[in-house]
Amino acid sequence: MNLSQELLSAIILYTLASEVWNYLEERYEGKEQYMMVQLLKDIFRCTFLDTVPMENQPSQMHRKVHRLKVLGHDLKDSLIAAVMVMSLPDSYASL
């Protein structure tokens, strides 16, 4: 694992692994929440486009849903399906 010089110089002062862990936890606290909010925003504001191959677009949404699940926030399949249907372009309205 490579650490930035800034991070390395900060953690080298600690002698116990628990001290390093506490420092890293404090430093990165909140970033997980930010990522969760960003993923939710991306998922719920998504609009599929006619100009991009359709098979790629749901896959991108699915990856975001999976990343959200990894962060401990699982969305129900029915909700994901509803969001995907609402994200379809107007040209799919007749389906």
Protein backbone atom coordinates (compact mmCIF):
# COMPACT_ATOMS: atom_id res chain seq x y z
CA MET A 1 0.00 0.00 0.00
CA ASN A 2 1.35 3.40 -0.93
CA LEU A 3 0.70 6.32 1.37
CA SER A 4 1.02 9.95 0.46
CA GLN A 5 3.94 11.75 2.08
CA GLU A 6 1.50 13.91 4.05
CA LEU A 7 -0.36 10.92 5.46
CA LEU A 8 2.82 8.99 6.16
CA SER A 9 4.37 11.88 8.08
CA ALA A 10 1.19 12.17 10.16
CA ILE A 11 0.89 8.51 11.13
CA ILE A 12 4.59 7.81 11.64
CA LEU A 13 4.36 9.61 14.98
CA TYR A 14 2.08 6.92 16.41
CA THR A 15 3.43 3.78 18.04
CA LEU A 16 0.26 1.69 18.31
CA ALA A 17 -1.87 0.38 15.46
CA SER A 18 -4.97 1.52 17.36
CA GLU A 19 -3.65 5.09 17.38
CA VAL A 20 -3.12 4.97 13.62
CA TRP A 21 -6.57 3.50 13.14
CA ASN A 22 -8.17 6.25 15.27
CA TYR A 23 -6.31 8.93 13.33
CA LEU A 24 -7.39 7.52 9.97
CA GLU A 25 -10.96 7.09 11.17
CA GLU A 26 -11.11 10.75 12.27
CA ARG A 27 -9.47 11.96 9.07
CA TYR A 28 -11.85 10.14 6.75
CA GLU A 29 -14.99 10.32 8.89
CA GLY A 30 -17.83 11.81 6.91
CA LYS A 31 -16.45 10.90 3.50
CA GLU A 32 -18.54 7.74 3.53
CA GLN A 33 -21.65 9.83 4.25
CA TYR A 34 -20.76 12.19 1.42
CA MET A 35 -20.30 9.26 -0.96
CA MET A 36 -23.64 7.77 0.11
CA VAL A 37 -25.44 11.07 -0.53
CA GLN A 38 -23.73 11.47 -3.90
CA LEU A 39 -24.66 7.94 -4.97
CA LEU A 40 -28.29 8.44 -3.93
CA LYS A 41 -28.38 11.71 -5.84
CA ASP A 42 -26.91 10.07 -8.95
CA ILE A 43 -29.37 7.16 -8.76
CA PHE A 44 -32.53 9.19 -8.19
CA ARG A 45 -31.67 11.99 -10.64
CA CYS A 46 -30.59 9.64 -13.40
CA THR A 47 -32.11 10.09 -16.84
CA PHE A 48 -31.31 7.54 -19.49
CA LEU A 49 -30.52 8.99 -22.91
CA ASP A 50 -31.48 7.87 -26.41
CA THR A 51 -28.06 8.96 -27.65
CA VAL A 52 -26.16 6.42 -25.52
CA PRO A 53 -26.50 2.62 -25.88
CA MET A 54 -29.29 1.58 -23.51
CA GLU A 55 -27.55 -1.58 -22.29
CA ASN A 56 -24.76 0.51 -20.69
CA GLN A 57 -26.97 2.91 -18.78
CA PRO A 58 -28.78 0.51 -16.41
CA SER A 59 -25.42 -1.17 -15.78
CA GLN A 60 -23.95 2.12 -14.60
CA MET A 61 -26.92 2.62 -12.29
CA HIS A 62 -26.56 -0.93 -11.00
CA ARG A 63 -22.89 -0.30 -10.15
CA LYS A 64 -23.92 2.74 -8.10
CA VAL A 65 -26.61 0.73 -6.32
CA HIS A 66 -24.00 -1.95 -5.55
CA ARG A 67 -21.53 0.62 -4.18
CA LEU A 68 -24.34 1.96 -1.99
CA LYS A 69 -25.00 -1.57 -0.72
CA VAL A 70 -21.30 -2.00 0.09
CA LEU A 71 -21.56 1.16 2.21
CA GLY A 72 -24.37 -0.52 4.15
CA HIS A 73 -27.36 1.12 2.49
CA ASP A 74 -29.37 -1.46 0.60
CA LEU A 75 -32.24 -0.32 -1.65
CA LYS A 76 -35.19 -2.60 -2.30
CA ASP A 77 -35.36 -4.15 -5.77
CA SER A 78 -38.83 -2.69 -6.31
CA LEU A 79 -37.49 0.81 -5.65
CA ILE A 80 -34.57 0.30 -8.02
CA ALA A 81 -36.94 -0.99 -10.71
CA ALA A 82 -39.22 2.03 -10.26
CA VAL A 83 -36.28 4.42 -10.54
CA MET A 84 -35.08 2.66 -13.70
CA VAL A 85 -38.53 2.89 -15.30
CA MET A 86 -38.77 6.59 -14.40
CA SER A 87 -35.30 7.13 -15.87
CA LEU A 88 -36.26 5.84 -19.30
CA PRO A 89 -36.29 8.41 -22.12
CA ASP A 90 -39.62 9.61 -23.50
CA SER A 91 -39.13 7.41 -26.57
CA TYR A 92 -39.81 4.38 -24.35
CA ALA A 93 -43.20 5.72 -23.18
CA SER A 94 -45.14 3.54 -25.61
CA LEU A 95 -43.71 0.34 -24.15
